[in-house]
Amino acid sequence: MPCSEVQLARSLMGILESQLVGADFVALLRDPHSRLADILPRLDMYFLYSLVWSVGAVTDGAGRRTFSEHLRKATQVVHSLEHERLLKLERSSQIPDGGQSVHEYYVDGSRWACWRDKLRTVAPRDLLSGPSPASSSLQTFVPTTESLKIARLLQLCLAHRLPVLLVGPTGTGKSASVQ
């Protein structure tokens, strides 16, 4: 999907900011027992999640695989900075491989978690807040990892008044997720 570099950067920063002002992260910052070693990896993880769901979200399946490969390679090497400084992400901050795309993971507290594992614990009524339990659309809605991803991003973006554009084939749950 065509998208300007400025819009990609704006999306990345919007998603990142939404996570940084979230209750979990603010509580971590305010905790007098928190150490920099607890905070920095979370910042790295939030940045990577934001990068995946901004820059890495405007591609098709093949583009996601390519993006995933490049991101993993970029985060596993040591980068040389000016003044002979080095930059390397801690292993705990890197998105796990597990043979899956980087799009298959989200930040859960201080660790990466797989959407597939979360799917096992989610009921349709927890995923969709719009329809009532008696609604036929809720009875026929089957949660998938994709609907979990959409719901998480929608909650994050709408809570912070960020614009959202959902695209995809008919019947993939876009309208059900928004309702």
Foldseek 3Di string as FASTA:
>chain_A
DDDDPVQLVVQLVLQLVLVCPDPLNVVLVPPPPRDVVQNVLVSLLSSVLSNCVRVVVPDDPVSQVVVQVVLQVVQQDWDADPPRDIDHRDPQSHQDPPVDGSLQWHDDRSGIDGLVVVLVVDQLCNLFVPDDPVDPVSVPDRDDSVSNSVSVVCVSCVVVVHDDDDDDDPPPCPVRNVD
